[in-house]
Structure formats: C-alpha cells, structure tokens
Amino acid sequence: MKAFPQRQPVRFASRMERPGRGFGRPEGPKMQREIEIDVSKDIQVFSNKRFRFFNTIIFVGVTQTVLWGYLAYFSFQFLQDEASLEPRTGWRDSWLFKNKYRVSVCLVCCLAAVAACVFSLSYPIRSIKQMWLLKGGENIRLETFSPMSLGEYSKKVIKVPLKDISGQLARVPTNNTIPIKVKGYRFHFLMDNKSGVFHEPNLYDYTIGLRRNLK
C-alpha cells in the first residue's frame, strides 16, 4: 500500500513585542519568534460562558423599551400644556408650539426606548462567545451571542479569513475588554478578558491578536 506523508504542523511567524501602554502596542526593539501549531483539526482559542449576563441584558432592554414606549404614549395622550392668556400670533399659534412640552416629553421617551432597544440587541451580537482557528490555520470562526433567542445554544456564527482580523488591544490583565476588528464590519467585536477563557493564549497572541492593516 502507498504510504501517505504525515501532515506537518503549520508554523506561525510573528513578532514578539514588549508590553506597552495605551492601546497595548509596544515601543522599542522587537524580536522574531516562531511557533508551531498542529492545525489538522479545529482549535478552540477562546470561550465565554456568561449566558445569564447576556440574557439579563436582553430582558432588561426589552423591558425598558416597553416601559419607555408606554411613557411616550401616555405623555402624548394625556399631558396638557398650560393654557396661556396672552394672544398668540404667527408660529406661536401653531399646534406644535401649543403642545411643546407634551411633544418634548414624548420625544425624550421615544429616544430612550430606541436607545434601550438598540443597546440590548447590539451588545450581545458584538460579544464573542467562542473563537476557533479552523483546520489549516487560514480561517477563523467567531460565534457571538444571538439577541433573538435566549439560552446556551443561541449564537450567531461568522467565518472570516485570518488575514481579515485585527486585534486592537494587547491581551494584558489591565484590559478587561479586547476589541477585535473584522474586515467588512463597521463595529468592533468584543472579547471579555476578565470572564472569558483563553484556551490557547500563545496561539491567539501570534495569530488573531496581531494588529493588521485591513484597508
């Protein structure tokens, strides 16, 4: 029988940098370092299991949206501006000016409802639940918390090439949250450095955590 050659581990070459301040990017001399990782199968790099925390955010956000929406309806329907004894002419006699306080309170409540809704839906979908380096070492799979369904198995899956991911902060204890920039997305994905677990910290530092030019 013909013998097949064994799969060789993929070698990741990166620059080992000194810890720095600010954005965690070092200054000064750098030295080259190589690591060899066997990526003959998918490797889990990071995981975050704060399911109850994100479920609470979604529940509170939906509750606040309903509450502020009801307050907007109540203020527009039942609040009355104080009647003025002085005659009004021109734009002061318009309906909008006569009901300026009622309309103002209604707009503030509507803005609060929209803000609560947007935050409760956007924050979970930006937070990384799991991160995998796929077989071959050229692609990354990101799993974020889904805002449309509660529970442990709710997630949104994104698969992107490794070259399209850029780490914005260094993985140091002082950075509680690490933003990850993915090409094609305007917002940053967030990694919880405090509650999350890095299963392969060196692999992350020399592959995903590097800052790349995504232009």
C-alpha atoms as a PDB file:
ATOM      1  CA  MET A   1       0.000   0.000   0.000  1.00  0.00           C
ATOM      2  CA  LYS A   2       1.099   3.530  -0.719  1.00  0.00           C
ATOM      3  CA  ALA A   3       2.160   5.431   2.394  1.00  0.00           C
ATOM      4  CA  PHE A   4       0.775   8.935   2.763  1.00  0.00           C
ATOM      5  CA  PRO A   5       3.012  11.625   4.267  1.00  0.00           C
ATOM      6  CA  GLN A   6       2.068  12.894   7.688  1.00  0.00           C
ATOM      7  CA  ARG A   7       0.578  16.372   7.956  1.00  0.00           C
ATOM      8  CA  GLN A   8       3.150  18.869   9.121  1.00  0.00           C
ATOM      9  CA  PRO A   9       2.211  21.461  11.742  1.00  0.00           C
ATOM     10  CA  VAL A  10       1.629  24.987  10.477  1.00  0.00           C
ATOM     11  CA  ARG A  11       4.290  27.456  11.533  1.00  0.00           C
ATOM     12  CA  PHE A  12       3.135  30.919  12.505  1.00  0.00           C
ATOM     13  CA  ALA A  13       5.819  33.579  12.378  1.00  0.00           C
ATOM     14  CA  SER A  14       5.143  36.758  14.253  1.00  0.00           C
ATOM     15  CA  ARG A  15       6.894  39.492  16.128  1.00  0.00           C
ATOM     16  CA  MET A  16       7.106  39.103  19.867  1.00  0.00           C
ATOM     17  CA  GLU A  17       6.556  42.579  21.215  1.00  0.00           C
ATOM     18  CA  ARG A  18       7.139  44.189  24.548  1.00  0.00           C
ATOM     19  CA  PRO A  19       4.044  45.057  26.593  1.00  0.00           C
ATOM     20  CA  GLY A  20       3.193  48.712  26.143  1.00  0.00           C
ATOM     21  CA  ARG A  21       0.814  51.327  27.431  1.00  0.00           C
ATOM     22  CA  GLY A  22      -2.216  52.993  25.947  1.00  0.00           C
ATOM     23  CA  PHE A  23      -3.514  50.660  23.297  1.00  0.00           C
ATOM     24  CA  GLY A  24      -1.158  47.926  24.447  1.00  0.00           C
ATOM     25  CA  ARG A  25       1.113  48.367  21.463  1.00  0.00           C
ATOM     26  CA  PRO A  26       4.823  48.265  22.343  1.00  0.00           C
ATOM     27  CA  GLU A  27       7.593  50.641  21.540  1.00  0.00           C
ATOM     28  CA  GLY A  28      11.218  49.783  21.066  1.00  0.00           C
ATOM     29  CA  PRO A  29      13.089  46.794  19.644  1.00  0.00           C
ATOM     30  CA  LYS A  30      11.295  43.620  18.564  1.00  0.00           C
ATOM     31  CA  MET A  31      12.486  40.103  18.125  1.00  0.00           C
ATOM     32  CA  GLN A  32      11.289  37.413  15.777  1.00  0.00           C
ATOM     33  CA  ARG A  33       9.728  34.259  17.164  1.00  0.00           C
ATOM     34  CA  GLU A  34       8.083  31.264  15.555  1.00  0.00           C
ATOM     35  CA  ILE A  35       5.620  28.768  16.990  1.00  0.00           C
ATOM     36  CA  GLU A  36       4.436  25.510  15.512  1.00  0.00           C
ATOM     37  CA  ILE A  37       0.795  24.522  15.988  1.00  0.00           C
ATOM     38  CA  ASP A  38      -0.819  21.377  14.706  1.00  0.00           C
ATOM     39  CA  VAL A  39      -3.974  22.622  12.955  1.00  0.00           C
ATOM     40  CA  SER A  40      -5.018  19.310  11.476  1.00  0.00           C
ATOM     41  CA  LYS A  41      -8.304  19.937  13.284  1.00  0.00           C
ATOM     42  CA  ASP A  42     -10.268  22.917  14.582  1.00  0.00           C
ATOM     43  CA  ILE A  43      -8.749  24.521  17.685  1.00  0.00           C
ATOM     44  CA  GLN A  44     -10.815  26.443  20.220  1.00  0.00           C
ATOM     45  CA  VAL A  45      -8.946  29.609  21.125  1.00  0.00           C
ATOM     46  CA  PHE A  46     -11.427  31.498  23.324  1.00  0.00           C
ATOM     47  CA  SER A  47     -14.765  30.937  25.045  1.00  0.00           C
ATOM     48  CA  ASN A  48     -17.132  32.995  27.175  1.00  0.00           C
ATOM     49  CA  LYS A  49     -19.979  31.342  29.104  1.00  0.00           C
ATOM     50  CA  ARG A  50     -21.724  34.345  30.633  1.00  0.00           C
ATOM     51  CA  PHE A  51     -25.098  33.255  29.301  1.00  0.00           C
ATOM     52  CA  ARG A  52     -27.056  34.591  32.286  1.00  0.00           C
ATOM     53  CA  PHE A  53     -25.439  38.029  31.966  1.00  0.00           C
ATOM     54  CA  PHE A  54     -26.419  38.474  28.312  1.00  0.00           C
ATOM     55  CA  ASN A  55     -29.881  37.010  28.911  1.00  0.00           C
ATOM     56  CA  THR A  56     -30.339  39.626  31.625  1.00  0.00           C
ATOM     57  CA  ILE A  57     -29.229  42.406  29.266  1.00  0.00           C
ATOM     58  CA  ILE A  58     -31.756  41.312  26.646  1.00  0.00           C
ATOM     59  CA  PHE A  59     -34.565  41.004  29.203  1.00  0.00           C
ATOM     60  CA  VAL A  60     -33.828  44.396  30.778  1.00  0.00           C
ATOM     61  CA  GLY A  61     -33.507  46.029  27.349  1.00  0.00           C
ATOM     62  CA  VAL A  62     -36.869  44.683  26.175  1.00  0.00           C
ATOM     63  CA  THR A  63     -38.498  45.731  29.456  1.00  0.00           C
ATOM     64  CA  GLN A  64     -37.065  49.240  29.230  1.00  0.00           C
ATOM     65  CA  THR A  65     -38.188  49.543  25.609  1.00  0.00           C
ATOM     66  CA  VAL A  66     -41.771  48.661  26.522  1.00  0.00           C
ATOM     67  CA  LEU A  67     -41.724  50.946  29.566  1.00  0.00           C
ATOM     68  CA  TRP A  68     -40.384  53.993  27.736  1.00  0.00           C
ATOM     69  CA  GLY A  69     -42.715  53.322  24.825  1.00  0.00           C
ATOM     70  CA  TYR A  70     -45.692  53.322  27.188  1.00  0.00           C
ATOM     71  CA  LEU A  71     -44.489  56.548  28.812  1.00  0.00           C
ATOM     72  CA  ALA A  72     -44.223  58.140  25.368  1.00  0.00           C
ATOM     73  CA  TYR A  73     -47.799  57.118  24.568  1.00  0.00           C
ATOM     74  CA  PHE A  74     -49.064  58.282  27.968  1.00  0.00           C
ATOM     75  CA  SER A  75     -47.349  61.680  27.742  1.00  0.00           C
ATOM     76  CA  PHE A  76     -48.645  62.336  24.244  1.00  0.00           C
ATOM     77  CA  GLN A  77     -52.212  61.316  25.016  1.00  0.00           C
ATOM     78  CA  PHE A  78     -52.800  62.726  28.490  1.00  0.00           C
ATOM     79  CA  LEU A  79     -50.337  65.530  29.199  1.00  0.00           C
ATOM     80  CA  GLN A  80     -51.686  69.016  28.569  1.00  0.00           C
ATOM     81  CA  ASP A  81     -49.700  72.219  28.273  1.00  0.00           C
ATOM     82  CA  GLU A  82     -50.611  75.146  30.477  1.00  0.00           C
ATOM     83  CA  ALA A  83     -53.042  77.464  28.750  1.00  0.00           C
ATOM     84  CA  SER A  84     -51.765  80.962  28.053  1.00  0.00           C
ATOM     85  CA  LEU A  85     -53.954  84.064  28.492  1.00  0.00           C
ATOM     86  CA  GLU A  86     -51.838  86.103  26.117  1.00  0.00           C
ATOM     87  CA  PRO A  87     -52.905  86.171  22.469  1.00  0.00           C
ATOM     88  CA  ARG A  88     -50.610  84.260  20.119  1.00  0.00           C
ATOM     89  CA  THR A  89     -49.892  85.105  16.532  1.00  0.00           C
ATOM     90  CA  GLY A  90     -47.807  83.548  13.774  1.00  0.00           C
ATOM     91  CA  TRP A  91     -45.833  80.420  14.600  1.00  0.00           C
ATOM     92  CA  ARG A  92     -46.673  80.765  18.285  1.00  0.00           C
ATOM     93  CA  ASP A  93     -50.255  79.889  17.371  1.00  0.00           C
ATOM     94  CA  SER A  94     -49.225  76.596  15.754  1.00  0.00           C
ATOM     95  CA  TRP A  95     -50.168  73.223  17.199  1.00  0.00           C
ATOM     96  CA  LEU A  96     -46.535  72.263  17.768  1.00  0.00           C
ATOM     97  CA  PHE A  97     -45.815  75.347  19.874  1.00  0.00           C
ATOM     98  CA  LYS A  98     -49.019  74.987  21.875  1.00  0.00           C
ATOM     99  CA  ASN A  99     -48.074  71.408  22.747  1.00  0.00           C
ATOM    100  CA  LYS A 100     -44.315  71.887  23.027  1.00  0.00           C
ATOM    101  CA  TYR A 101     -43.977  70.292  26.473  1.00  0.00           C
ATOM    102  CA  ARG A 102     -46.092  67.300  25.615  1.00  0.00           C
ATOM    103  CA  VAL A 103     -44.217  66.735  22.371  1.00  0.00           C
ATOM    104  CA  SER A 104     -40.835  67.213  24.086  1.00  0.00           C
ATOM    105  CA  VAL A 105     -41.566  64.639  26.785  1.00  0.00           C
ATOM    106  CA  CYS A 106     -42.868  62.219  24.159  1.00  0.00           C
ATOM    107  CA  LEU A 107     -39.714  62.595  22.022  1.00  0.00           C
ATOM    108  CA  VAL A 108     -37.420  62.048  25.023  1.00  0.00           C
ATOM    109  CA  CYS A 109     -39.289  58.860  25.951  1.00  0.00           C
ATOM    110  CA  CYS A 110     -39.135  57.638  22.339  1.00  0.00           C
ATOM    111  CA  LEU A 111     -35.387  58.246  22.169  1.00  0.00           C
ATOM    112  CA  ALA A 112     -34.881  56.373  25.446  1.00  0.00           C
ATOM    113  CA  ALA A 113     -36.919  53.445  24.122  1.00  0.00           C
ATOM    114  CA  VAL A 114     -34.896  53.299  20.894  1.00  0.00           C
ATOM    115  CA  ALA A 115     -31.596  53.530  22.803  1.00  0.00           C
ATOM    116  CA  ALA A 116     -32.576  50.683  25.144  1.00  0.00           C
ATOM    117  CA  CYS A 117     -33.665  48.528  22.224  1.00  0.00           C
ATOM    118  CA  VAL A 118     -30.526  49.161  20.157  1.00  0.00           C
ATOM    119  CA  PHE A 119     -28.176  48.524  23.078  1.00  0.00           C
ATOM    120  CA  SER A 120     -29.879  45.310  24.196  1.00  0.00           C
ATOM    121  CA  LEU A 121     -29.776  43.918  20.651  1.00  0.00           C
ATOM    122  CA  SER A 122     -26.361  45.155  19.504  1.00  0.00           C
ATOM    123  CA  TYR A 123     -24.244  44.433  22.590  1.00  0.00           C
ATOM    124  CA  PRO A 124     -24.823  40.630  22.654  1.00  0.00           C
ATOM    125  CA  ILE A 125     -24.249  40.296  18.910  1.00  0.00           C
ATOM    126  CA  ARG A 126     -20.899  42.112  19.277  1.00  0.00           C
ATOM    127  CA  SER A 127     -19.726  39.973  22.200  1.00  0.00           C
ATOM    128  CA  ILE A 128     -17.717  36.909  21.222  1.00  0.00           C
ATOM    129  CA  LYS A 129     -18.990  33.653  22.652  1.00  0.00           C
ATOM    130  CA  GLN A 130     -16.427  31.310  21.105  1.00  0.00           C
ATOM    131  CA  MET A 131     -13.457  31.696  18.765  1.00  0.00           C
ATOM    132  CA  TRP A 132     -11.987  28.839  16.740  1.00  0.00           C
ATOM    133  CA  LEU A 133      -8.947  28.547  14.499  1.00  0.00           C
ATOM    134  CA  LEU A 134     -10.188  26.267  11.756  1.00  0.00           C
ATOM    135  CA  LYS A 135      -8.361  23.365  10.191  1.00  0.00           C
ATOM    136  CA  GLY A 136      -5.451  24.568   8.068  1.00  0.00           C
ATOM    137  CA  GLY A 137      -4.854  27.737  10.076  1.00  0.00           C
ATOM    138  CA  GLU A 138      -6.187  30.160   7.466  1.00  0.00           C
ATOM    139  CA  ASN A 139      -9.723  30.845   8.703  1.00  0.00           C
ATOM    140  CA  ILE A 140     -11.384  31.888  11.953  1.00  0.00           C
ATOM    141  CA  ARG A 141     -14.872  31.089  13.173  1.00  0.00           C
ATOM    142  CA  LEU A 142     -16.475  33.593  15.525  1.00  0.00           C
ATOM    143  CA  GLU A 143     -19.578  32.743  17.499  1.00  0.00           C
ATOM    144  CA  THR A 144     -21.393  35.632  19.142  1.00  0.00           C
ATOM    145  CA  PHE A 145     -24.420  35.728  21.412  1.00  0.00           C
ATOM    146  CA  SER A 146     -27.673  35.979  19.475  1.00  0.00           C
ATOM    147  CA  PRO A 147     -30.168  38.640  20.643  1.00  0.00           C
ATOM    148  CA  MET A 148     -33.153  36.875  19.088  1.00  0.00           C
ATOM    149  CA  SER A 149     -33.220  33.826  21.346  1.00  0.00           C
ATOM    150  CA  LEU A 150     -32.221  33.143  24.914  1.00  0.00           C
ATOM    151  CA  GLY A 151     -30.324  30.154  26.200  1.00  0.00           C
ATOM    152  CA  GLU A 152     -26.972  28.451  25.989  1.00  0.00           C
ATOM    153  CA  TYR A 153     -27.283  27.381  22.350  1.00  0.00           C
ATOM    154  CA  SER A 154     -28.286  30.759  20.905  1.00  0.00           C
ATOM    155  CA  LYS A 155     -25.479  32.102  18.738  1.00  0.00           C
ATOM    156  CA  LYS A 156     -24.522  33.862  15.523  1.00  0.00           C
ATOM    157  CA  VAL A 157     -21.667  32.289  13.527  1.00  0.00           C
ATOM    158  CA  ILE A 158     -19.218  34.296  11.400  1.00  0.00           C
ATOM    159  CA  LYS A 159     -16.425  32.712   9.355  1.00  0.00           C
ATOM    160  CA  VAL A 160     -13.643  35.007   8.133  1.00  0.00           C
ATOM    161  CA  PRO A 161     -10.057  34.604   6.874  1.00  0.00           C
ATOM    162  CA  LEU A 162      -7.314  35.117   9.429  1.00  0.00           C
ATOM    163  CA  LYS A 163      -5.834  37.975   7.383  1.00  0.00           C
ATOM    164  CA  ASP A 164      -9.102  39.928   7.780  1.00  0.00           C
ATOM    165  CA  ILE A 165      -8.925  40.053  11.596  1.00  0.00           C
ATOM    166  CA  SER A 166      -7.011  42.631  13.588  1.00  0.00           C
ATOM    167  CA  GLY A 167      -6.527  42.757  17.352  1.00  0.00           C
ATOM    168  CA  GLN A 168      -6.849  46.282  18.707  1.00  0.00           C
ATOM    169  CA  LEU A 169      -5.504  45.769  22.239  1.00  0.00           C
ATOM    170  CA  ALA A 170      -2.933  43.522  23.831  1.00  0.00           C
ATOM    171  CA  ARG A 171      -4.041  40.597  25.970  1.00  0.00           C
ATOM    172  CA  VAL A 172      -2.983  42.003  29.332  1.00  0.00           C
ATOM    173  CA  PRO A 173      -4.870  41.894  32.674  1.00  0.00           C
ATOM    174  CA  THR A 174      -5.466  45.658  32.647  1.00  0.00           C
ATOM    175  CA  ASN A 175      -7.633  45.391  29.516  1.00  0.00           C
ATOM    176  CA  ASN A 176     -10.974  43.988  30.659  1.00  0.00           C
ATOM    177  CA  THR A 177     -12.380  44.066  27.131  1.00  0.00           C
ATOM    178  CA  ILE A 178     -10.404  43.396  23.961  1.00  0.00           C
ATOM    179  CA  PRO A 179     -11.894  44.808  20.731  1.00  0.00           C
ATOM    180  CA  ILE A 180     -11.436  42.761  17.575  1.00  0.00           C
ATOM    181  CA  LYS A 181     -11.770  44.424  14.180  1.00  0.00           C
ATOM    182  CA  VAL A 182     -13.113  42.267  11.346  1.00  0.00           C
ATOM    183  CA  LYS A 183     -12.932  43.484   7.773  1.00  0.00           C
ATOM    184  CA  GLY A 184     -16.379  44.247   6.381  1.00  0.00           C
ATOM    185  CA  TYR A 185     -17.928  45.190   9.748  1.00  0.00           C
ATOM    186  CA  ARG A 186     -18.155  48.767  10.966  1.00  0.00           C
ATOM    187  CA  PHE A 187     -18.308  47.888  14.638  1.00  0.00           C
ATOM    188  CA  HIS A 188     -15.754  46.008  16.728  1.00  0.00           C
ATOM    189  CA  PHE A 189     -16.352  42.589  18.212  1.00  0.00           C
ATOM    190  CA  LEU A 190     -15.656  42.374  21.936  1.00  0.00           C
ATOM    191  CA  MET A 191     -13.778  39.737  23.912  1.00  0.00           C
ATOM    192  CA  ASP A 192     -14.257  39.610  27.690  1.00  0.00           C
ATOM    193  CA  ASN A 193     -10.711  39.327  29.001  1.00  0.00           C
ATOM    194  CA  LYS A 194     -11.939  39.134  32.600  1.00  0.00           C
ATOM    195  CA  SER A 195     -14.650  36.456  32.467  1.00  0.00           C
ATOM    196  CA  GLY A 196     -13.648  34.713  29.225  1.00  0.00           C
ATOM    197  CA  VAL A 197     -11.135  31.871  28.950  1.00  0.00           C
ATOM    198  CA  PHE A 198      -8.205  31.762  26.502  1.00  0.00           C
ATOM    199  CA  HIS A 199      -7.664  28.069  25.813  1.00  0.00           C
ATOM    200  CA  GLU A 200      -4.679  28.789  23.544  1.00  0.00           C
ATOM    201  CA  PRO A 201      -3.197  32.121  24.707  1.00  0.00           C
ATOM    202  CA  ASN A 202       0.044  31.827  22.720  1.00  0.00           C
ATOM    203  CA  LEU A 203      -1.834  30.896  19.573  1.00  0.00           C
ATOM    204  CA  TYR A 204      -4.042  33.938  19.995  1.00  0.00           C
ATOM    205  CA  ASP A 205      -1.114  36.282  20.602  1.00  0.00           C
ATOM    206  CA  TYR A 206       0.773  35.204  17.464  1.00  0.00           C
ATOM    207  CA  THR A 207      -2.176  34.846  15.074  1.00  0.00           C
ATOM    208  CA  ILE A 208      -5.504  36.516  15.884  1.00  0.00           C
ATOM    209  CA  GLY A 209      -4.245  39.122  18.333  1.00  0.00           C
ATOM    210  CA  LEU A 210      -1.879  40.805  15.879  1.00  0.00           C
ATOM    211  CA  ARG A 211      -2.763  44.253  14.592  1.00  0.00           C
ATOM    212  CA  ARG A 212      -3.166  44.189  10.825  1.00  0.00           C
ATOM    213  CA  ASN A 213      -3.885  46.814   8.235  1.00  0.00           C
ATOM    214  CA  LEU A 214      -7.361  45.933   6.938  1.00  0.00           C
ATOM    215  CA  LYS A 215      -7.639  48.720   4.363  1.00  0.00           C
END
